[in-house]
Amino acid sequence: MPNSRKKALAAHRRRLKRGGYVRLEVRVRKEDAPLMRGLAQALADPVRGAEARALLRQHFMARAARGLKALLASAPLEGIDLDRPRDAGRAVEL
């Protein structure tokens, strides 16, 4: 590759980086390629980008991990007997 072409490519990549873009390579099935291209176009479009991101986050992002206390507080515990009888164990002769 000629030196001038290398410089032009490096300058192009710097401009993209300053704009907040990153280069990404994905491997998909042949039939999914048009879908992925459409997704990339929707994300790049200022009008459709916010809606596309919201839909993707809603469907594919992992739920935030909750602590045990929050999990127990949200559990439906009505009608469940949580009291256990005290058991001192068996008598043992020493």
PDB file of N, CA and C in Angstrom:
ATOM      1  N   MET A   1       0.864  -1.172   0.000  1.00  0.00           N
ATOM      2  CA  MET A   1       0.000   0.000   0.000  1.00  0.00           C
ATOM      3  C   MET A   1       0.912   1.236   0.000  1.00  0.00           C
ATOM      4  N   PRO A   2       0.647   2.188  -0.888  1.00  0.00           N
ATOM      5  CA  PRO A   2       1.475   3.405  -0.934  1.00  0.00           C
ATOM      6  C   PRO A   2       1.366   4.209   0.358  1.00  0.00           C
ATOM      7  N   ASN A   3       2.402   4.955   0.654  1.00  0.00           N
ATOM      8  CA  ASN A   3       2.475   5.735   1.882  1.00  0.00           C
ATOM      9  C   ASN A   3       1.336   6.757   1.963  1.00  0.00           C
ATOM     10  N   SER A   4       0.997   7.394   0.854  1.00  0.00           N
ATOM     11  CA  SER A   4      -0.078   8.390   0.858  1.00  0.00           C
ATOM     12  C   SER A   4      -1.416   7.756   1.206  1.00  0.00           C
ATOM     13  N   ARG A   5      -1.622   6.539   0.741  1.00  0.00           N
ATOM     14  CA  ARG A   5      -2.874   5.820   1.042  1.00  0.00           C
ATOM     15  C   ARG A   5      -2.940   5.441   2.520  1.00  0.00           C
ATOM     16  N   LYS A   6      -1.802   5.054   3.083  1.00  0.00           N
ATOM     17  CA  LYS A   6      -1.742   4.726   4.508  1.00  0.00           C
ATOM     18  C   LYS A   6      -2.083   5.942   5.357  1.00  0.00           C
ATOM     19  N   LYS A   7      -1.525   7.106   4.972  1.00  0.00           N
ATOM     20  CA  LYS A   7      -1.793   8.338   5.713  1.00  0.00           C
ATOM     21  C   LYS A   7      -3.268   8.715   5.627  1.00  0.00           C
ATOM     22  N   ALA A   8      -3.842   8.588   4.435  1.00  0.00           N
ATOM     23  CA  ALA A   8      -5.255   8.928   4.254  1.00  0.00           C
ATOM     24  C   ALA A   8      -6.136   8.004   5.096  1.00  0.00           C
ATOM     25  N   LEU A   9      -5.820   6.723   5.107  1.00  0.00           N
ATOM     26  CA  LEU A   9      -6.588   5.762   5.890  1.00  0.00           C
ATOM     27  C   LEU A   9      -6.463   6.053   7.387  1.00  0.00           C
ATOM     28  N   ALA A  10      -5.258   6.372   7.840  1.00  0.00           N
ATOM     29  CA  ALA A  10      -5.050   6.688   9.257  1.00  0.00           C
ATOM     30  C   ALA A  10      -5.825   7.951   9.638  1.00  0.00           C
ATOM     31  N   ALA A  11      -5.828   8.949   8.761  1.00  0.00           N
ATOM     32  CA  ALA A  11      -6.574  10.183   9.041  1.00  0.00           C
ATOM     33  C   ALA A  11      -8.071   9.904   9.094  1.00  0.00           C
ATOM     34  N   HIS A  12      -8.542   9.071   8.190  1.00  0.00           N
ATOM     35  CA  HIS A  12      -9.969   8.705   8.173  1.00  0.00           C
ATOM     36  C   HIS A  12     -10.358   8.009   9.477  1.00  0.00           C
ATOM     37  N   ARG A  13      -9.535   7.087   9.914  1.00  0.00           N
ATOM     38  CA  ARG A  13      -9.834   6.354  11.150  1.00  0.00           C
ATOM     39  C   ARG A  13      -9.774   7.267  12.374  1.00  0.00           C
ATOM     40  N   ARG A  14      -8.873   8.235  12.379  1.00  0.00           N
ATOM     41  CA  ARG A  14      -8.819   9.210  13.479  1.00  0.00           C
ATOM     42  C   ARG A  14     -10.091  10.049  13.530  1.00  0.00           C
ATOM     43  N   ARG A  15     -10.579  10.487  12.358  1.00  0.00           N
ATOM     44  CA  ARG A  15     -11.818  11.271  12.315  1.00  0.00           C
ATOM     45  C   ARG A  15     -12.990  10.454  12.840  1.00  0.00           C
ATOM     46  N   LEU A  16     -13.063   9.206  12.445  1.00  0.00           N
ATOM     47  CA  LEU A  16     -14.142   8.347  12.949  1.00  0.00           C
ATOM     48  C   LEU A  16     -14.042   8.176  14.458  1.00  0.00           C
ATOM     49  N   LYS A  17     -12.844   7.985  14.966  1.00  0.00           N
ATOM     50  CA  LYS A  17     -12.640   7.797  16.401  1.00  0.00           C
ATOM     51  C   LYS A  17     -13.053   9.044  17.174  1.00  0.00           C
ATOM     52  N   ARG A  18     -12.697  10.221  16.637  1.00  0.00           N
ATOM     53  CA  ARG A  18     -13.106  11.467  17.272  1.00  0.00           C
ATOM     54  C   ARG A  18     -14.620  11.610  17.292  1.00  0.00           C
ATOM     55  N   GLY A  19     -15.269  11.082  16.281  1.00  0.00           N
ATOM     56  CA  GLY A  19     -16.733  11.143  16.200  1.00  0.00           C
ATOM     57  C   GLY A  19     -17.426  10.113  17.069  1.00  0.00           C
ATOM     58  N   GLY A  20     -16.658   9.264  17.743  1.00  0.00           N
ATOM     59  CA  GLY A  20     -17.242   8.268  18.633  1.00  0.00           C
ATOM     60  C   GLY A  20     -17.552   6.948  17.957  1.00  0.00           C
ATOM     61  N   TYR A  21     -17.026   6.731  16.758  1.00  0.00           N
ATOM     62  CA  TYR A  21     -17.273   5.487  16.041  1.00  0.00           C
ATOM     63  C   TYR A  21     -16.140   4.503  16.279  1.00  0.00           C
ATOM     64  N   VAL A  22     -16.469   3.226  16.266  1.00  0.00           N
ATOM     65  CA  VAL A  22     -15.470   2.169  16.341  1.00  0.00           C
ATOM     66  C   VAL A  22     -15.734   1.189  15.210  1.00  0.00           C
ATOM     67  N   ARG A  23     -14.686   0.553  14.764  1.00  0.00           N
ATOM     68  CA  ARG A  23     -14.819  -0.449  13.709  1.00  0.00           C
ATOM     69  C   ARG A  23     -15.187  -1.766  14.375  1.00  0.00           C
ATOM     70  N   LEU A  24     -16.158  -2.431  13.806  1.00  0.00           N
ATOM     71  CA  LEU A  24     -16.646  -3.666  14.400  1.00  0.00           C
ATOM     72  C   LEU A  24     -16.840  -4.701  13.312  1.00  0.00           C
ATOM     73  N   GLU A  25     -16.364  -5.895  13.561  1.00  0.00           N
ATOM     74  CA  GLU A  25     -16.541  -6.971  12.600  1.00  0.00           C
ATOM     75  C   GLU A  25     -17.363  -8.061  13.268  1.00  0.00           C
ATOM     76  N   VAL A  26     -18.408  -8.474  12.602  1.00  0.00           N
ATOM     77  CA  VAL A  26     -19.246  -9.552  13.112  1.00  0.00           C
ATOM     78  C   VAL A  26     -19.398 -10.605  12.030  1.00  0.00           C
ATOM     79  N   ARG A  27     -19.606 -11.815  12.460  1.00  0.00           N
ATOM     80  CA  ARG A  27     -19.851 -12.909  11.523  1.00  0.00           C
ATOM     81  C   ARG A  27     -21.275 -13.385  11.734  1.00  0.00           C
ATOM     82  N   VAL A  28     -22.039 -13.351  10.661  1.00  0.00           N
ATOM     83  CA  VAL A  28     -23.436 -13.782  10.718  1.00  0.00           C
ATOM     84  C   VAL A  28     -23.717 -14.701   9.542  1.00  0.00           C
ATOM     85  N   ARG A  29     -24.811 -15.395   9.630  1.00  0.00           N
ATOM     86  CA  ARG A  29     -25.212 -16.248   8.517  1.00  0.00           C
ATOM     87  C   ARG A  29     -25.553 -15.382   7.314  1.00  0.00           C
ATOM     88  N   LYS A  30     -25.445 -15.961   6.153  1.00  0.00           N
ATOM     89  CA  LYS A  30     -25.668 -15.229   4.908  1.00  0.00           C
ATOM     90  C   LYS A  30     -27.056 -14.605   4.869  1.00  0.00           C
ATOM     91  N   GLU A  31     -28.053 -15.325   5.344  1.00  0.00           N
ATOM     92  CA  GLU A  31     -29.423 -14.803   5.313  1.00  0.00           C
ATOM     93  C   GLU A  31     -29.655 -13.681   6.332  1.00  0.00           C
ATOM     94  N   ASP A  32     -28.768 -13.563   7.334  1.00  0.00           N
ATOM     95  CA  ASP A  32     -28.893 -12.504   8.345  1.00  0.00           C
ATOM     96  C   ASP A  32     -28.137 -11.234   7.974  1.00  0.00           C
ATOM     97  N   ALA A  33     -27.301 -11.289   6.936  1.00  0.00           N
ATOM     98  CA  ALA A  33     -26.491 -10.128   6.556  1.00  0.00           C
ATOM     99  C   ALA A  33     -27.344  -8.898   6.231  1.00  0.00           C
ATOM    100  N   PRO A  34     -28.418  -9.006   5.449  1.00  0.00           N
ATOM    101  CA  PRO A  34     -29.238  -7.814   5.193  1.00  0.00           C
ATOM    102  C   PRO A  34     -29.868  -7.254   6.478  1.00  0.00           C
ATOM    103  N   LEU A  35     -30.232  -8.129   7.383  1.00  0.00           N
ATOM    104  CA  LEU A  35     -30.802  -7.696   8.657  1.00  0.00           C
ATOM    105  C   LEU A  35     -29.781  -6.890   9.459  1.00  0.00           C
ATOM    106  N   MET A  36     -28.548  -7.368   9.521  1.00  0.00           N
ATOM    107  CA  MET A  36     -27.508  -6.662  10.265  1.00  0.00           C
ATOM    108  C   MET A  36     -27.154  -5.330   9.609  1.00  0.00           C
ATOM    109  N   ARG A  37     -27.155  -5.296   8.270  1.00  0.00           N
ATOM    110  CA  ARG A  37     -26.908  -4.029   7.577  1.00  0.00           C
ATOM    111  C   ARG A  37     -28.012  -3.032   7.888  1.00  0.00           C
ATOM    112  N   GLY A  38     -29.253  -3.507   7.882  1.00  0.00           N
ATOM    113  CA  GLY A  38     -30.381  -2.636   8.219  1.00  0.00           C
ATOM    114  C   GLY A  38     -30.299  -2.134   9.648  1.00  0.00           C
ATOM    115  N   LEU A  39     -29.874  -2.994  10.553  1.00  0.00           N
ATOM    116  CA  LEU A  39     -29.701  -2.598  11.947  1.00  0.00           C
ATOM    117  C   LEU A  39     -28.631  -1.520  12.076  1.00  0.00           C
ATOM    118  N   ALA A  40     -27.504  -1.707  11.381  1.00  0.00           N
ATOM    119  CA  ALA A  40     -26.430  -0.716  11.426  1.00  0.00           C
ATOM    120  C   ALA A  40     -26.904   0.619  10.849  1.00  0.00           C
ATOM    121  N   GLN A  41     -27.679   0.575   9.784  1.00  0.00           N
ATOM    122  CA  GLN A  41     -28.205   1.810   9.197  1.00  0.00           C
ATOM    123  C   GLN A  41     -29.177   2.493  10.149  1.00  0.00           C
ATOM    124  N   ALA A  42     -30.018   1.715  10.816  1.00  0.00           N
ATOM    125  CA  ALA A  42     -30.973   2.301  11.761  1.00  0.00           C
ATOM    126  C   ALA A  42     -30.252   2.943  12.937  1.00  0.00           C
ATOM    127  N   LEU A  43     -29.187   2.312  13.428  1.00  0.00           N
ATOM    128  CA  LEU A  43     -28.437   2.877  14.547  1.00  0.00           C
ATOM    129  C   LEU A  43     -27.696   4.143  14.134  1.00  0.00           C
ATOM    130  N   ALA A  44     -27.262   4.211  12.888  1.00  0.00           N
ATOM    131  CA  ALA A  44     -26.529   5.384  12.416  1.00  0.00           C
ATOM    132  C   ALA A  44     -27.459   6.547  12.091  1.00  0.00           C
ATOM    133  N   ASP A  45     -28.721   6.269  11.835  1.00  0.00           N
ATOM    134  CA  ASP A  45     -29.687   7.307  11.482  1.00  0.00           C
ATOM    135  C   ASP A  45     -30.097   8.077  12.737  1.00  0.00           C
ATOM    136  N   PRO A  46     -29.937   9.415  12.748  1.00  0.00           N
ATOM    137  CA  PRO A  46     -30.299  10.185  13.941  1.00  0.00           C
ATOM    138  C   PRO A  46     -31.788  10.096  14.293  1.00  0.00           C
ATOM    139  N   VAL A  47     -32.634   9.904  13.303  1.00  0.00           N
ATOM    140  CA  VAL A  47     -34.078   9.857  13.545  1.00  0.00           C
ATOM    141  C   VAL A  47     -34.487   8.519  14.166  1.00  0.00           C
ATOM    142  N   ARG A  48     -33.973   7.432  13.612  1.00  0.00           N
ATOM    143  CA  ARG A  48     -34.371   6.095  14.074  1.00  0.00           C
ATOM    144  C   ARG A  48     -33.435   5.508  15.128  1.00  0.00           C
ATOM    145  N   GLY A  49     -32.284   6.119  15.336  1.00  0.00           N
ATOM    146  CA  GLY A  49     -31.270   5.546  16.220  1.00  0.00           C
ATOM    147  C   GLY A  49     -31.718   5.362  17.654  1.00  0.00           C
ATOM    148  N   ALA A  50     -32.354   6.376  18.226  1.00  0.00           N
ATOM    149  CA  ALA A  50     -32.771   6.287  19.636  1.00  0.00           C
ATOM    150  C   ALA A  50     -33.804   5.187  19.831  1.00  0.00           C
ATOM    151  N   GLU A  51     -34.742   5.089  18.916  1.00  0.00           N
ATOM    152  CA  GLU A  51     -35.770   4.042  19.039  1.00  0.00           C
ATOM    153  C   GLU A  51     -35.157   2.654  18.874  1.00  0.00           C
ATOM    154  N   ALA A  52     -34.241   2.512  17.918  1.00  0.00           N
ATOM    155  CA  ALA A  52     -33.591   1.220  17.698  1.00  0.00           C
ATOM    156  C   ALA A  52     -32.792   0.804  18.930  1.00  0.00           C
ATOM    157  N   ARG A  53     -32.059   1.753  19.528  1.00  0.00           N
ATOM    158  CA  ARG A  53     -31.277   1.436  20.738  1.00  0.00           C
ATOM    159  C   ARG A  53     -32.179   1.021  21.888  1.00  0.00           C
ATOM    160  N   ALA A  54     -33.295   1.727  22.045  1.00  0.00           N
ATOM    161  CA  ALA A  54     -34.220   1.401  23.132  1.00  0.00           C
ATOM    162  C   ALA A  54     -34.794   0.001  22.949  1.00  0.00           C
ATOM    163  N   LEU A  55     -35.175  -0.342  21.731  1.00  0.00           N
ATOM    164  CA  LEU A  55     -35.709  -1.682  21.469  1.00  0.00           C
ATOM    165  C   LEU A  55     -34.656  -2.763  21.714  1.00  0.00           C
ATOM    166  N   LEU A  56     -33.439  -2.518  21.265  1.00  0.00           N
ATOM    167  CA  LEU A  56     -32.376  -3.502  21.465  1.00  0.00           C
ATOM    168  C   LEU A  56     -32.048  -3.686  22.940  1.00  0.00           C
ATOM    169  N   ARG A  57     -31.985  -2.581  23.679  1.00  0.00           N
ATOM    170  CA  ARG A  57     -31.707  -2.689  25.116  1.00  0.00           C
ATOM    171  C   ARG A  57     -32.816  -3.443  25.830  1.00  0.00           C
ATOM    172  N   GLN A  58     -34.051  -3.166  25.440  1.00  0.00           N
ATOM    173  CA  GLN A  58     -35.192  -3.804  26.090  1.00  0.00           C
ATOM    174  C   GLN A  58     -35.180  -5.318  25.873  1.00  0.00           C
ATOM    175  N   HIS A  59     -34.778  -5.742  24.707  1.00  0.00           N
ATOM    176  CA  HIS A  59     -34.850  -7.168  24.392  1.00  0.00           C
ATOM    177  C   HIS A  59     -33.578  -7.951  24.676  1.00  0.00           C
ATOM    178  N   PHE A  60     -32.410  -7.296  24.621  1.00  0.00           N
ATOM    179  CA  PHE A  60     -31.183  -8.070  24.668  1.00  0.00           C
ATOM    180  C   PHE A  60     -30.238  -7.756  25.810  1.00  0.00           C
ATOM    181  N   MET A  61     -30.409  -6.665  26.511  1.00  0.00           N
ATOM    182  CA  MET A  61     -29.498  -6.338  27.601  1.00  0.00           C
ATOM    183  C   MET A  61     -29.853  -7.178  28.826  1.00  0.00           C
ATOM    184  N   ALA A  62     -28.826  -7.561  29.554  1.00  0.00           N
ATOM    185  CA  ALA A  62     -29.033  -8.346  30.773  1.00  0.00           C
ATOM    186  C   ALA A  62     -29.694  -7.475  31.832  1.00  0.00           C
ATOM    187  N   ARG A  63     -30.547  -8.055  32.569  1.00  0.00           N
ATOM    188  CA  ARG A  63     -31.204  -7.335  33.657  1.00  0.00           C
ATOM    189  C   ARG A  63     -30.170  -7.004  34.730  1.00  0.00           C
ATOM    190  N   ALA A  64     -30.364  -5.901  35.375  1.00  0.00           N
ATOM    191  CA  ALA A  64     -29.445  -5.495  36.441  1.00  0.00           C
ATOM    192  C   ALA A  64     -29.563  -6.484  37.605  1.00  0.00           C
ATOM    193  N   ALA A  65     -28.433  -6.878  38.120  1.00  0.00           N
ATOM    194  CA  ALA A  65     -28.430  -7.823  39.239  1.00  0.00           C
ATOM    195  C   ALA A  65     -28.963  -7.126  40.487  1.00  0.00           C
ATOM    196  N   ARG A  66     -29.846  -7.827  41.175  1.00  0.00           N
ATOM    197  CA  ARG A  66     -30.394  -7.285  42.413  1.00  0.00           C
ATOM    198  C   ARG A  66     -29.823  -8.062  43.577  1.00  0.00           C
ATOM    199  N   GLY A  67     -29.803  -7.425  44.718  1.00  0.00           N
ATOM    200  CA  GLY A  67     -29.306  -8.081  45.913  1.00  0.00           C
ATOM    201  C   GLY A  67     -30.343  -9.034  46.482  1.00  0.00           C
ATOM    202  N   LEU A  68     -29.935  -9.837  47.431  1.00  0.00           N
ATOM    203  CA  LEU A  68     -30.814 -10.807  48.059  1.00  0.00           C
ATOM    204  C   LEU A  68     -31.973 -10.113  48.771  1.00  0.00           C
ATOM    205  N   LYS A  69     -31.691  -8.992  49.411  1.00  0.00           N
ATOM    206  CA  LYS A  69     -32.723  -8.276  50.145  1.00  0.00           C
ATOM    207  C   LYS A  69     -33.830  -7.796  49.206  1.00  0.00           C
ATOM    208  N   ALA A  70     -33.456  -7.238  48.057  1.00  0.00           N
ATOM    209  CA  ALA A  70     -34.446  -6.767  47.086  1.00  0.00           C
ATOM    210  C   ALA A  70     -35.214  -7.945  46.492  1.00  0.00           C
ATOM    211  N   LEU A  71     -34.529  -9.052  46.259  1.00  0.00           N
ATOM    212  CA  LEU A  71     -35.189 -10.231  45.718  1.00  0.00           C
ATOM    213  C   LEU A  71     -36.228 -10.774  46.693  1.00  0.00           C
ATOM    214  N   LEU A  72     -35.884 -10.863  47.968  1.00  0.00           N
ATOM    215  CA  LEU A  72     -36.828 -11.346  48.971  1.00  0.00           C
ATOM    216  C   LEU A  72     -37.986 -10.377  49.170  1.00  0.00           C
ATOM    217  N   ALA A  73     -37.709  -9.085  49.084  1.00  0.00           N
ATOM    218  CA  ALA A  73     -38.769  -8.088  49.250  1.00  0.00           C
ATOM    219  C   ALA A  73     -39.785  -8.163  48.114  1.00  0.00           C
ATOM    220  N   SER A  74     -39.356  -8.558  46.931  1.00  0.00           N
ATOM    221  CA  SER A  74     -40.270  -8.615  45.796  1.00  0.00           C
ATOM    222  C   SER A  74     -40.946  -9.981  45.649  1.00  0.00           C
ATOM    223  N   ALA A  75     -40.538 -10.971  46.432  1.00  0.00           N
ATOM    224  CA  ALA A  75     -41.104 -12.314  46.325  1.00  0.00           C
ATOM    225  C   ALA A  75     -42.512 -12.361  46.914  1.00  0.00           C
ATOM    226  N   PRO A  76     -43.419 -13.073  46.261  1.00  0.00           N
ATOM    227  CA  PRO A  76     -44.777 -13.210  46.809  1.00  0.00           C
ATOM    228  C   PRO A  76     -44.795 -14.253  47.931  1.00  0.00           C
ATOM    229  N   LEU A  77     -44.712 -13.793  49.169  1.00  0.00           N
ATOM    230  CA  LEU A  77     -44.603 -14.702  50.305  1.00  0.00           C
ATOM    231  C   LEU A  77     -45.901 -14.823  51.104  1.00  0.00           C
ATOM    232  N   GLU A  78     -47.011 -14.279  50.592  1.00  0.00           N
ATOM    233  CA  GLU A  78     -48.266 -14.370  51.334  1.00  0.00           C
ATOM    234  C   GLU A  78     -48.746 -15.818  51.378  1.00  0.00           C
ATOM    235  N   GLY A  79     -49.159 -16.245  52.542  1.00  0.00           N
ATOM    236  CA  GLY A  79     -49.690 -17.589  52.697  1.00  0.00           C
ATOM    237  C   GLY A  79     -48.627 -18.650  52.920  1.00  0.00           C
ATOM    238  N   ILE A  80     -47.375 -18.278  52.972  1.00  0.00           N
ATOM    239  CA  ILE A  80     -46.301 -19.241  53.183  1.00  0.00           C
ATOM    240  C   ILE A  80     -45.855 -19.140  54.635  1.00  0.00           C
ATOM    241  N   ASP A  81     -45.820 -20.292  55.309  1.00  0.00           N
ATOM    242  CA  ASP A  81     -45.407 -20.326  56.708  1.00  0.00           C
ATOM    243  C   ASP A  81     -43.883 -20.369  56.761  1.00  0.00           C
ATOM    244  N   LEU A  82     -43.289 -19.298  57.247  1.00  0.00           N
ATOM    245  CA  LEU A  82     -41.835 -19.214  57.312  1.00  0.00           C
ATOM    246  C   LEU A  82     -41.281 -19.527  58.684  1.00  0.00           C
ATOM    247  N   ASP A  83     -42.138 -19.843  59.653  1.00  0.00           N
ATOM    248  CA  ASP A  83     -41.683 -20.177  60.998  1.00  0.00           C
ATOM    249  C   ASP A  83     -41.301 -21.647  61.052  1.00  0.00           C
ATOM    250  N   ARG A  84     -40.136 -21.908  61.621  1.00  0.00           N
ATOM    251  CA  ARG A  84     -39.689 -23.283  61.786  1.00  0.00           C
ATOM    252  C   ARG A  84     -39.667 -23.607  63.263  1.00  0.00           C
ATOM    253  N   PRO A  85     -40.087 -24.805  63.643  1.00  0.00           N
ATOM    254  CA  PRO A  85     -40.021 -25.174  65.064  1.00  0.00           C
ATOM    255  C   PRO A  85     -38.557 -25.319  65.482  1.00  0.00           C
ATOM    256  N   ARG A  86     -38.274 -24.909  66.695  1.00  0.00           N
ATOM    257  CA  ARG A  86     -36.920 -25.015  67.225  1.00  0.00           C
ATOM    258  C   ARG A  86     -36.591 -26.481  67.459  1.00  0.00           C
ATOM    259  N   ASP A  87     -35.462 -26.884  67.013  1.00  0.00           N
ATOM    260  CA  ASP A  87     -35.027 -28.253  67.200  1.00  0.00           C
ATOM    261  C   ASP A  87     -33.649 -28.211  67.855  1.00  0.00           C
ATOM    262  N   ALA A  88     -33.596 -28.653  69.098  1.00  0.00           N
ATOM    263  CA  ALA A  88     -32.338 -28.628  69.837  1.00  0.00           C
ATOM    264  C   ALA A  88     -31.460 -29.821  69.471  1.00  0.00           C
ATOM    265  N   GLY A  89     -31.926 -30.660  68.619  1.00  0.00           N
ATOM    266  CA  GLY A  89     -31.150 -31.834  68.234  1.00  0.00           C
ATOM    267  C   GLY A  89     -31.442 -32.999  69.150  1.00  0.00           C
ATOM    268  N   ARG A  90     -30.690 -34.004  69.053  1.00  0.00           N
ATOM    269  CA  ARG A  90     -30.915 -35.169  69.895  1.00  0.00           C
ATOM    270  C   ARG A  90     -29.992 -35.121  71.104  1.00  0.00           C
ATOM    271  N   ALA A  91     -30.414 -35.803  72.132  1.00  0.00           N
ATOM    272  CA  ALA A  91     -29.616 -35.846  73.361  1.00  0.00           C
ATOM    273  C   ALA A  91     -28.425 -36.782  73.153  1.00  0.00           C
ATOM    274  N   VAL A  92     -27.256 -36.317  73.543  1.00  0.00           N
ATOM    275  CA  VAL A  92     -26.041 -37.099  73.359  1.00  0.00           C
ATOM    276  C   VAL A  92     -25.347 -37.218  74.704  1.00  0.00           C
ATOM    277  N   GLU A  93     -24.969 -38.450  75.055  1.00  0.00           N
ATOM    278  CA  GLU A  93     -24.231 -38.641  76.298  1.00  0.00           C
ATOM    279  C   GLU A  93     -22.743 -38.526  76.023  1.00  0.00           C
ATOM    280  N   LEU A  94     -22.088 -37.732  76.805  1.00  0.00           N
ATOM    281  CA  LEU A  94     -20.632 -37.575  76.651  1.00  0.00           C
ATOM    282  C   LEU A  94     -19.885 -38.243  77.760  1.00  0.00           C
TER     283      LEU A  94
END
